[in-house]
Amino acid sequence: MRDYTLFAFDLDGTMLQKDGSLSPRTIAACQEAAARGIELVPTTGRLLGFLPKSLTDLPFIRYAVTSNGAAVYDILSEKRLYSCLLPWQQAIDILDLLREFPVYVEIYAEGRPVVRQGDPARAFEVYGFPEHKGIYLKKNYLQVRSLREYIKEGQVCPEKINLPYVPEGLRQELRRLLLQQEGLNLVSSVFDNLEINAAGCHKGNGLAALCQILGIDREHTAAIGDNGNDREMLEYAGLSIAMGNATPEIKKIAGAVTASCEEDGAALAIEKYLLKKSGCDMA
């Protein structure tokens, strides 16, 4: 079995439990992998400022691929090592399109989430957020009077424009309209959101950029995920692993399938493929 020197992992639905924590088994597996010199890299749709403490408190987590590959960071210094950003003029065009619809809009810029002033308080009544989406409103937001003016005045190039909740019918309509614009990549990390990045911006390219920086060959990388924004990351990696709770599309392209998130599937995958322990039952 091949040795792997870098392990890229999705967070929500993959490495993290529903409460945002890491299970004791996952922590132990990560600690052992790190002790063997394996680089453990969160590769996520989240921005730098929304990585959970349960992860960033681990001393061996040094790098992160964030915002669906739009920004790769050295976590210790918060230095951005690579970026693939939306041009600020195009971001304004997107905002102009979105303001015709009742959707909650976040801008991810320089590792921080930005929203229109007062929108978090309006999320449930105005934008129809379901109760389980409340966790997404607990970010350390920068609230501004106008997202459009914020972008224009500072010529801010976002990592991502995020719509954390869009009802099904409206989501399909927005996807259709946005795809009419050139230079965009649209993905969903969960079934009811929509994430807007620059064309060519995805976890696969972010991971490739980090591997080039670190001098790690793609054949010696392993990756694990569960949803649509993990596709390119899994296609890039030398070993691709789908969670038991992954979408059918992701399971189809993966080289292996592990147990579900709530059954410690990520820990099982680390134990079997990185630590090469026997008796690790997969899904």
C-alpha atoms as a PDB file:
ATOM      1  CA  MET A   1       0.000   0.000   0.000  1.00  0.00           C
ATOM      2  CA  ARG A   2       1.305   3.444  -0.952  1.00  0.00           C
ATOM      3  CA  ASP A   3       2.553   5.860   1.697  1.00  0.00           C
ATOM      4  CA  TYR A   4       0.759   9.205   1.930  1.00  0.00           C
ATOM      5  CA  THR A   5       2.428  12.351   3.197  1.00  0.00           C
ATOM      6  CA  LEU A   6      -0.554  14.749   3.062  1.00  0.00           C
ATOM      7  CA  PHE A   7      -4.163  14.157   4.091  1.00  0.00           C
ATOM      8  CA  ALA A   8      -6.732  16.719   2.909  1.00  0.00           C
ATOM      9  CA  PHE A   9     -10.090  16.562   4.652  1.00  0.00           C
ATOM     10  CA  ASP A  10     -13.429  18.286   4.376  1.00  0.00           C
ATOM     11  CA  LEU A  11     -14.999  19.470   7.637  1.00  0.00           C
ATOM     12  CA  ASP A  12     -18.814  19.529   7.710  1.00  0.00           C
ATOM     13  CA  GLY A  13     -20.246  16.099   7.115  1.00  0.00           C
ATOM     14  CA  THR A  14     -16.768  14.580   7.105  1.00  0.00           C
ATOM     15  CA  MET A  15     -14.321  15.310   9.915  1.00  0.00           C
ATOM     16  CA  LEU A  16     -16.611  17.212  12.290  1.00  0.00           C
ATOM     17  CA  GLN A  17     -19.473  15.844  14.355  1.00  0.00           C
ATOM     18  CA  LYS A  18     -22.845  17.595  14.125  1.00  0.00           C
ATOM     19  CA  ASP A  19     -21.931  19.851  17.068  1.00  0.00           C
ATOM     20  CA  GLY A  20     -18.727  20.974  15.338  1.00  0.00           C
ATOM     21  CA  SER A  21     -16.420  18.875  17.497  1.00  0.00           C
ATOM     22  CA  LEU A  22     -13.875  16.181  16.694  1.00  0.00           C
ATOM     23  CA  SER A  23     -14.530  12.779  18.210  1.00  0.00           C
ATOM     24  CA  PRO A  24     -11.874  11.351  20.566  1.00  0.00           C
ATOM     25  CA  ARG A  25     -11.110   8.630  18.017  1.00  0.00           C
ATOM     26  CA  THR A  26     -10.590  11.198  15.256  1.00  0.00           C
ATOM     27  CA  ILE A  27      -8.268  13.279  17.440  1.00  0.00           C
ATOM     28  CA  ALA A  28      -6.234  10.193  18.353  1.00  0.00           C
ATOM     29  CA  ALA A  29      -5.948   9.112  14.705  1.00  0.00           C
ATOM     30  CA  CYS A  30      -4.856  12.614  13.658  1.00  0.00           C
ATOM     31  CA  GLN A  31      -2.278  12.788  16.440  1.00  0.00           C
ATOM     32  CA  GLU A  32      -0.762   9.489  15.389  1.00  0.00           C
ATOM     33  CA  ALA A  33      -0.706  10.486  11.719  1.00  0.00           C
ATOM     34  CA  ALA A  34       0.982  13.792  12.558  1.00  0.00           C
ATOM     35  CA  ALA A  35       3.560  11.994  14.688  1.00  0.00           C
ATOM     36  CA  ARG A  36       4.451   9.966  11.597  1.00  0.00           C
ATOM     37  CA  GLY A  37       5.094  13.156   9.623  1.00  0.00           C
ATOM     38  CA  ILE A  38       1.825  13.283   7.675  1.00  0.00           C
ATOM     39  CA  GLU A  39       0.593  16.818   6.911  1.00  0.00           C
ATOM     40  CA  LEU A  40      -3.075  17.133   7.938  1.00  0.00           C
ATOM     41  CA  VAL A  41      -4.850  19.854   5.961  1.00  0.00           C
ATOM     42  CA  PRO A  42      -8.449  21.030   6.463  1.00  0.00           C
ATOM     43  CA  THR A  43      -9.808  21.668   2.965  1.00  0.00           C
ATOM     44  CA  THR A  44     -13.125  23.395   3.322  1.00  0.00           C
ATOM     45  CA  GLY A  45     -15.737  25.770   2.025  1.00  0.00           C
ATOM     46  CA  ARG A  46     -15.405  27.653   5.302  1.00  0.00           C
ATOM     47  CA  LEU A  47     -13.291  30.764   5.537  1.00  0.00           C
ATOM     48  CA  LEU A  48     -10.220  31.064   7.741  1.00  0.00           C
ATOM     49  CA  GLY A  49     -12.069  32.859  10.544  1.00  0.00           C
ATOM     50  CA  PHE A  50     -14.698  30.115  10.743  1.00  0.00           C
ATOM     51  CA  LEU A  51     -12.401  27.160  11.320  1.00  0.00           C
ATOM     52  CA  PRO A  52     -13.472  25.547  14.621  1.00  0.00           C
ATOM     53  CA  LYS A  53     -11.237  25.775  17.679  1.00  0.00           C
ATOM     54  CA  SER A  54     -11.512  22.025  18.053  1.00  0.00           C
ATOM     55  CA  LEU A  55      -9.347  21.927  14.932  1.00  0.00           C
ATOM     56  CA  THR A  56      -7.129  25.002  15.129  1.00  0.00           C
ATOM     57  CA  ASP A  57      -6.159  24.203  18.735  1.00  0.00           C
ATOM     58  CA  LEU A  58      -4.421  21.058  17.488  1.00  0.00           C
ATOM     59  CA  PRO A  59      -0.719  22.006  17.329  1.00  0.00           C
ATOM     60  CA  PHE A  60      -0.001  20.001  14.191  1.00  0.00           C
ATOM     61  CA  ILE A  61      -2.597  21.725  11.976  1.00  0.00           C
ATOM     62  CA  ARG A  62      -0.405  24.210  10.082  1.00  0.00           C
ATOM     63  CA  TYR A  63      -2.105  24.834   6.714  1.00  0.00           C
ATOM     64  CA  ALA A  64      -5.679  25.198   5.516  1.00  0.00           C
ATOM     65  CA  VAL A  65      -7.345  25.336   2.109  1.00  0.00           C
ATOM     66  CA  THR A  66     -10.356  27.614   2.630  1.00  0.00           C
ATOM     67  CA  SER A  67     -13.344  29.109   0.802  1.00  0.00           C
ATOM     68  CA  ASN A  68     -13.492  26.180  -1.643  1.00  0.00           C
ATOM     69  CA  GLY A  69      -9.859  26.633  -2.635  1.00  0.00           C
ATOM     70  CA  ALA A  70      -9.978  30.413  -3.019  1.00  0.00           C
ATOM     71  CA  ALA A  71      -7.367  30.951  -0.313  1.00  0.00           C
ATOM     72  CA  VAL A  72      -4.644  28.767   1.152  1.00  0.00           C
ATOM     73  CA  TYR A  73      -3.319  29.920   4.522  1.00  0.00           C
ATOM     74  CA  ASP A  74      -0.484  29.284   6.893  1.00  0.00           C
ATOM     75  CA  ILE A  75      -2.668  29.189  10.004  1.00  0.00           C
ATOM     76  CA  LEU A  76       0.109  30.080  12.428  1.00  0.00           C
ATOM     77  CA  SER A  77       0.990  33.348  10.713  1.00  0.00           C
ATOM     78  CA  GLU A  78      -2.417  33.865   9.017  1.00  0.00           C
ATOM     79  CA  LYS A  79      -0.383  34.521   5.864  1.00  0.00           C
ATOM     80  CA  ARG A  80      -2.193  33.800   2.620  1.00  0.00           C
ATOM     81  CA  LEU A  81       0.006  31.560   0.476  1.00  0.00           C
ATOM     82  CA  TYR A  82      -2.256  31.282  -2.566  1.00  0.00           C
ATOM     83  CA  SER A  83      -5.465  32.895  -3.768  1.00  0.00           C
ATOM     84  CA  CYS A  84      -8.022  32.621  -6.553  1.00  0.00           C
ATOM     85  CA  LEU A  85     -10.360  35.566  -6.017  1.00  0.00           C
ATOM     86  CA  LEU A  86     -13.443  37.032  -7.659  1.00  0.00           C
ATOM     87  CA  PRO A  87     -12.611  40.328  -9.429  1.00  0.00           C
ATOM     88  CA  TRP A  88     -14.268  43.135  -7.517  1.00  0.00           C
ATOM     89  CA  GLN A  89     -16.143  44.396 -10.601  1.00  0.00           C
ATOM     90  CA  GLN A  90     -17.645  40.951 -11.135  1.00  0.00           C
ATOM     91  CA  ALA A  91     -18.569  40.732  -7.458  1.00  0.00           C
ATOM     92  CA  ILE A  92     -20.582  43.933  -7.873  1.00  0.00           C
ATOM     93  CA  ASP A  93     -22.391  42.454 -10.882  1.00  0.00           C
ATOM     94  CA  ILE A  94     -23.293  39.394  -8.805  1.00  0.00           C
ATOM     95  CA  LEU A  95     -24.591  41.534  -5.950  1.00  0.00           C
ATOM     96  CA  ASP A  96     -26.683  43.570  -8.384  1.00  0.00           C
ATOM     97  CA  LEU A  97     -28.279  40.355  -9.618  1.00  0.00           C
ATOM     98  CA  LEU A  98     -28.866  38.975  -6.129  1.00  0.00           C
ATOM     99  CA  ARG A  99     -30.510  42.108  -4.725  1.00  0.00           C
ATOM    100  CA  GLU A 100     -33.573  41.358  -6.850  1.00  0.00           C
ATOM    101  CA  PHE A 101     -34.186  38.246  -4.733  1.00  0.00           C
ATOM    102  CA  PRO A 102     -34.893  37.651  -1.001  1.00  0.00           C
ATOM    103  CA  VAL A 103     -31.618  35.888  -0.207  1.00  0.00           C
ATOM    104  CA  TYR A 104     -29.127  36.176   2.640  1.00  0.00           C
ATOM    105  CA  VAL A 105     -25.749  37.142   1.179  1.00  0.00           C
ATOM    106  CA  GLU A 106     -22.320  36.781   2.778  1.00  0.00           C
ATOM    107  CA  ILE A 107     -19.015  37.984   1.381  1.00  0.00           C
ATOM    108  CA  TYR A 108     -15.876  36.053   2.341  1.00  0.00           C
ATOM    109  CA  ALA A 109     -12.942  38.439   2.135  1.00  0.00           C
ATOM    110  CA  GLU A 110      -9.448  38.140   3.609  1.00  0.00           C
ATOM    111  CA  GLY A 111     -10.530  35.330   5.902  1.00  0.00           C
ATOM    112  CA  ARG A 112     -13.516  37.196   7.359  1.00  0.00           C
ATOM    113  CA  PRO A 113     -17.297  37.110   6.674  1.00  0.00           C
ATOM    114  CA  VAL A 114     -19.037  40.356   5.710  1.00  0.00           C
ATOM    115  CA  VAL A 115     -22.810  40.931   5.652  1.00  0.00           C
ATOM    116  CA  ARG A 116     -25.233  43.804   5.300  1.00  0.00           C
ATOM    117  CA  GLN A 117     -25.914  45.477   8.625  1.00  0.00           C
ATOM    118  CA  GLY A 118     -28.793  43.830  10.470  1.00  0.00           C
ATOM    119  CA  ASP A 119     -29.132  40.837   8.160  1.00  0.00           C
ATOM    120  CA  PRO A 120     -28.235  38.210  10.818  1.00  0.00           C
ATOM    121  CA  ALA A 121     -31.166  39.463  12.910  1.00  0.00           C
ATOM    122  CA  ARG A 122     -33.454  39.222   9.872  1.00  0.00           C
ATOM    123  CA  ALA A 123     -32.330  35.749   8.791  1.00  0.00           C
ATOM    124  CA  PHE A 124     -35.324  33.799  10.104  1.00  0.00           C
ATOM    125  CA  GLU A 125     -38.227  36.157   9.450  1.00  0.00           C
ATOM    126  CA  VAL A 126     -37.066  37.818   6.217  1.00  0.00           C
ATOM    127  CA  TYR A 127     -34.886  35.177   4.575  1.00  0.00           C
ATOM    128  CA  GLY A 128     -36.714  32.096   5.837  1.00  0.00           C
ATOM    129  CA  PHE A 129     -33.773  30.416   7.569  1.00  0.00           C
ATOM    130  CA  PRO A 130     -34.749  27.069   9.103  1.00  0.00           C
ATOM    131  CA  GLU A 131     -33.836  26.650  12.762  1.00  0.00           C
ATOM    132  CA  HIS A 132     -30.921  24.300  12.095  1.00  0.00           C
ATOM    133  CA  LYS A 133     -29.217  27.063  10.101  1.00  0.00           C
ATOM    134  CA  GLY A 134     -28.869  29.216  13.213  1.00  0.00           C
ATOM    135  CA  ILE A 135     -25.311  27.978  13.715  1.00  0.00           C
ATOM    136  CA  TYR A 136     -24.289  29.779  10.512  1.00  0.00           C
ATOM    137  CA  LEU A 137     -25.283  33.125  12.030  1.00  0.00           C
ATOM    138  CA  LYS A 138     -22.757  32.898  14.869  1.00  0.00           C
ATOM    139  CA  LYS A 139     -19.791  34.030  12.781  1.00  0.00           C
ATOM    140  CA  ASN A 140     -17.768  37.060  13.790  1.00  0.00           C
ATOM    141  CA  TYR A 141     -19.339  39.177  11.066  1.00  0.00           C
ATOM    142  CA  LEU A 142     -18.182  42.518   9.808  1.00  0.00           C
ATOM    143  CA  GLN A 143     -21.515  44.283   9.244  1.00  0.00           C
ATOM    144  CA  VAL A 144     -21.532  47.078   6.656  1.00  0.00           C
ATOM    145  CA  ARG A 145     -24.199  49.461   5.401  1.00  0.00           C
ATOM    146  CA  SER A 146     -23.958  48.213   1.830  1.00  0.00           C
ATOM    147  CA  LEU A 147     -22.127  45.187   0.495  1.00  0.00           C
ATOM    148  CA  ARG A 148     -21.967  46.821  -2.908  1.00  0.00           C
ATOM    149  CA  GLU A 149     -20.322  49.968  -1.570  1.00  0.00           C
ATOM    150  CA  TYR A 150     -17.992  47.939   0.624  1.00  0.00           C
ATOM    151  CA  ILE A 151     -16.747  46.071  -2.443  1.00  0.00           C
ATOM    152  CA  LYS A 152     -16.576  49.136  -4.675  1.00  0.00           C
ATOM    153  CA  GLU A 153     -14.917  51.559  -2.274  1.00  0.00           C
ATOM    154  CA  GLY A 154     -12.188  49.133  -1.231  1.00  0.00           C
ATOM    155  CA  GLN A 155     -12.010  47.306  -4.575  1.00  0.00           C
ATOM    156  CA  VAL A 156     -12.333  44.188  -2.442  1.00  0.00           C
ATOM    157  CA  CYS A 157     -11.880  40.911  -4.327  1.00  0.00           C
ATOM    158  CA  PRO A 158     -13.887  38.271  -2.437  1.00  0.00           C
ATOM    159  CA  GLU A 159     -12.746  34.730  -1.854  1.00  0.00           C
ATOM    160  CA  LYS A 160     -16.366  33.666  -2.171  1.00  0.00           C
ATOM    161  CA  ILE A 161     -19.915  34.978  -2.192  1.00  0.00           C
ATOM    162  CA  ASN A 162     -21.951  32.630  -0.024  1.00  0.00           C
ATOM    163  CA  LEU A 163     -25.706  32.085   0.108  1.00  0.00           C
ATOM    164  CA  PRO A 164     -26.057  29.833   3.182  1.00  0.00           C
ATOM    165  CA  TYR A 165     -29.743  29.128   2.613  1.00  0.00           C
ATOM    166  CA  VAL A 166     -31.796  29.326  -0.575  1.00  0.00           C
ATOM    167  CA  PRO A 167     -35.152  27.532  -1.033  1.00  0.00           C
ATOM    168  CA  GLU A 168     -35.110  24.852  -3.733  1.00  0.00           C
ATOM    169  CA  GLY A 169     -37.052  26.655  -6.482  1.00  0.00           C
ATOM    170  CA  LEU A 170     -35.191  29.914  -6.031  1.00  0.00           C
ATOM    171  CA  ARG A 171     -31.857  28.107  -5.829  1.00  0.00           C
ATOM    172  CA  GLN A 172     -32.368  26.602  -9.270  1.00  0.00           C
ATOM    173  CA  GLU A 173     -33.395  29.978 -10.698  1.00  0.00           C
ATOM    174  CA  LEU A 174     -30.347  31.732  -9.240  1.00  0.00           C
ATOM    175  CA  ARG A 175     -28.070  28.981 -10.495  1.00  0.00           C
ATOM    176  CA  ARG A 176     -29.486  29.399 -14.006  1.00  0.00           C
ATOM    177  CA  LEU A 177     -29.018  33.188 -13.953  1.00  0.00           C
ATOM    178  CA  LEU A 178     -25.525  33.060 -12.483  1.00  0.00           C
ATOM    179  CA  LEU A 179     -24.379  30.476 -15.006  1.00  0.00           C
ATOM    180  CA  GLN A 180     -25.172  32.990 -17.733  1.00  0.00           C
ATOM    181  CA  GLN A 181     -22.225  35.024 -16.442  1.00  0.00           C
ATOM    182  CA  GLU A 182     -18.768  33.982 -17.532  1.00  0.00           C
ATOM    183  CA  GLY A 183     -15.976  33.312 -15.082  1.00  0.00           C
ATOM    184  CA  LEU A 184     -17.901  31.700 -12.205  1.00  0.00           C
ATOM    185  CA  ASN A 185     -17.802  28.362 -10.439  1.00  0.00           C
ATOM    186  CA  LEU A 186     -20.983  27.400  -8.551  1.00  0.00           C
ATOM    187  CA  VAL A 187     -21.099  24.613  -5.965  1.00  0.00           C
ATOM    188  CA  SER A 188     -23.139  23.503  -2.970  1.00  0.00           C
ATOM    189  CA  SER A 189     -21.483  22.081   0.139  1.00  0.00           C
ATOM    190  CA  VAL A 190     -24.896  21.210   1.579  1.00  0.00           C
ATOM    191  CA  PHE A 191     -28.124  20.650  -0.312  1.00  0.00           C
ATOM    192  CA  ASP A 192     -29.739  24.023   0.449  1.00  0.00           C
ATOM    193  CA  ASN A 193     -26.909  26.511  -0.083  1.00  0.00           C
ATOM    194  CA  LEU A 194     -25.168  28.092  -3.061  1.00  0.00           C
ATOM    195  CA  GLU A 195     -21.517  29.130  -3.158  1.00  0.00           C
ATOM    196  CA  ILE A 196     -20.041  31.423  -5.803  1.00  0.00           C
ATOM    197  CA  ASN A 197     -16.336  31.360  -6.603  1.00  0.00           C
ATOM    198  CA  ALA A 198     -14.206  32.492  -9.506  1.00  0.00           C
ATOM    199  CA  ALA A 199     -13.906  30.091 -12.437  1.00  0.00           C
ATOM    200  CA  GLY A 200     -11.115  27.594 -11.827  1.00  0.00           C
ATOM    201  CA  CYS A 201     -11.433  28.092  -8.098  1.00  0.00           C
ATOM    202  CA  HIS A 202     -12.084  24.821  -6.313  1.00  0.00           C
ATOM    203  CA  LYS A 203     -10.611  22.636  -3.616  1.00  0.00           C
ATOM    204  CA  GLY A 204      -8.615  20.656  -6.152  1.00  0.00           C
ATOM    205  CA  ASN A 205      -6.652  23.664  -7.380  1.00  0.00           C
ATOM    206  CA  GLY A 206      -6.195  24.968  -3.837  1.00  0.00           C
ATOM    207  CA  LEU A 207      -4.822  21.596  -2.758  1.00  0.00           C
ATOM    208  CA  ALA A 208      -2.570  21.433  -5.827  1.00  0.00           C
ATOM    209  CA  ALA A 209      -1.168  24.881  -5.009  1.00  0.00           C
ATOM    210  CA  LEU A 210      -0.357  23.837  -1.443  1.00  0.00           C
ATOM    211  CA  CYS A 211       1.244  20.597  -2.612  1.00  0.00           C
ATOM    212  CA  GLN A 212       3.448  22.585  -4.986  1.00  0.00           C
ATOM    213  CA  ILE A 213       4.471  24.933  -2.160  1.00  0.00           C
ATOM    214  CA  LEU A 214       5.307  22.004   0.111  1.00  0.00           C
ATOM    215  CA  GLY A 215       6.921  19.916  -2.616  1.00  0.00           C
ATOM    216  CA  ILE A 216       4.488  17.012  -2.213  1.00  0.00           C
ATOM    217  CA  ASP A 217       3.592  14.879  -5.216  1.00  0.00           C
ATOM    218  CA  ARG A 218      -0.142  14.364  -5.824  1.00  0.00           C
ATOM    219  CA  GLU A 219       0.300  10.562  -5.783  1.00  0.00           C
ATOM    220  CA  HIS A 220       1.272  10.866  -2.136  1.00  0.00           C
ATOM    221  CA  THR A 221      -1.848  12.813  -1.145  1.00  0.00           C
ATOM    222  CA  ALA A 222      -5.073  11.362   0.233  1.00  0.00           C
ATOM    223  CA  ALA A 223      -8.363  13.244   0.486  1.00  0.00           C
ATOM    224  CA  ILE A 224     -11.774  12.628   2.038  1.00  0.00           C
ATOM    225  CA  GLY A 225     -15.117  14.373   1.559  1.00  0.00           C
ATOM    226  CA  ASP A 226     -18.858  14.026   1.250  1.00  0.00           C
ATOM    227  CA  ASN A 227     -20.388  16.624  -1.052  1.00  0.00           C
ATOM    228  CA  GLY A 228     -20.294  18.496  -4.355  1.00  0.00           C
ATOM    229  CA  ASN A 229     -17.565  20.970  -3.471  1.00  0.00           C
ATOM    230  CA  ASP A 230     -15.233  18.044  -2.680  1.00  0.00           C
ATOM    231  CA  ARG A 231     -15.274  16.606  -6.205  1.00  0.00           C
ATOM    232  CA  GLU A 232     -12.129  18.257  -7.609  1.00  0.00           C
ATOM    233  CA  MET A 233     -10.179  17.640  -4.411  1.00  0.00           C
ATOM    234  CA  LEU A 234     -10.965  13.929  -4.639  1.00  0.00           C
ATOM    235  CA  GLU A 235     -10.136  13.874  -8.338  1.00  0.00           C
ATOM    236  CA  TYR A 236      -6.739  15.464  -7.631  1.00  0.00           C
ATOM    237  CA  ALA A 237      -5.667  13.210  -4.771  1.00  0.00           C
ATOM    238  CA  GLY A 238      -3.727  10.004  -5.190  1.00  0.00           C
ATOM    239  CA  LEU A 239      -6.277   8.331  -2.897  1.00  0.00           C
ATOM    240  CA  SER A 240      -9.876   9.559  -2.772  1.00  0.00           C
ATOM    241  CA  ILE A 241     -12.214   8.514   0.031  1.00  0.00           C
ATOM    242  CA  ALA A 242     -15.943   9.201   0.274  1.00  0.00           C
ATOM    243  CA  MET A 243     -17.829   9.273   3.541  1.00  0.00           C
ATOM    244  CA  GLY A 244     -20.652   6.812   4.112  1.00  0.00           C
ATOM    245  CA  ASN A 245     -22.993   9.822   4.186  1.00  0.00           C
ATOM    246  CA  ALA A 246     -21.581  11.238   0.919  1.00  0.00           C
ATOM    247  CA  THR A 247     -23.759  11.993  -2.077  1.00  0.00           C
ATOM    248  CA  PRO A 248     -24.057   9.258  -4.735  1.00  0.00           C
ATOM    249  CA  GLU A 249     -21.999  11.425  -7.102  1.00  0.00           C
ATOM    250  CA  ILE A 250     -19.087  11.605  -4.659  1.00  0.00           C
ATOM    251  CA  LYS A 251     -19.227   7.896  -3.839  1.00  0.00           C
ATOM    252  CA  LYS A 252     -19.103   7.112  -7.544  1.00  0.00           C
ATOM    253  CA  ILE A 253     -15.827   8.955  -8.169  1.00  0.00           C
ATOM    254  CA  ALA A 254     -14.076   7.913  -4.938  1.00  0.00           C
ATOM    255  CA  GLY A 255     -11.531   5.144  -4.772  1.00  0.00           C
ATOM    256  CA  ALA A 256     -12.851   4.007  -1.393  1.00  0.00           C
ATOM    257  CA  VAL A 257     -15.888   4.515   0.832  1.00  0.00           C
ATOM    258  CA  THR A 258     -15.697   4.664   4.621  1.00  0.00           C
ATOM    259  CA  ALA A 259     -18.361   4.772   7.327  1.00  0.00           C
ATOM    260  CA  SER A 260     -20.542   7.829   7.954  1.00  0.00           C
ATOM    261  CA  CYS A 261     -19.511  10.952   9.815  1.00  0.00           C
ATOM    262  CA  GLU A 262     -21.374   9.934  12.964  1.00  0.00           C
ATOM    263  CA  GLU A 263     -19.730   6.496  12.833  1.00  0.00           C
ATOM    264  CA  ASP A 264     -16.177   7.932  12.871  1.00  0.00           C
ATOM    265  CA  GLY A 265     -15.705   7.291   9.169  1.00  0.00           C
ATOM    266  CA  ALA A 266     -12.845   9.789   8.855  1.00  0.00           C
ATOM    267  CA  ALA A 267     -10.964   8.215  11.766  1.00  0.00           C
ATOM    268  CA  LEU A 268     -11.456   4.770  10.234  1.00  0.00           C
ATOM    269  CA  ALA A 269     -10.035   6.002   6.933  1.00  0.00           C
ATOM    270  CA  ILE A 270      -6.975   7.503   8.625  1.00  0.00           C
ATOM    271  CA  GLU A 271      -6.365   4.278  10.548  1.00  0.00           C
ATOM    272  CA  LYS A 272      -6.688   2.048   7.488  1.00  0.00           C
ATOM    273  CA  TYR A 273      -5.002   4.041   4.722  1.00  0.00           C
ATOM    274  CA  LEU A 274      -2.557   6.354   6.483  1.00  0.00           C
ATOM    275  CA  LEU A 275      -1.642   4.348   9.582  1.00  0.00           C
ATOM    276  CA  LYS A 276      -2.179   0.986   7.848  1.00  0.00           C
ATOM    277  CA  LYS A 277      -3.757  -0.658  10.843  1.00  0.00           C
ATOM    278  CA  SER A 278      -5.443  -3.996  10.404  1.00  0.00           C
ATOM    279  CA  GLY A 279      -9.023  -4.679  11.442  1.00  0.00           C
ATOM    280  CA  CYS A 280     -10.369  -1.243  10.472  1.00  0.00           C
ATOM    281  CA  ASP A 281     -13.783  -2.055   9.083  1.00  0.00           C
ATOM    282  CA  MET A 282     -15.005   0.323   6.374  1.00  0.00           C
ATOM    283  CA  ALA A 283     -18.523   0.795   5.069  1.00  0.00           C
END
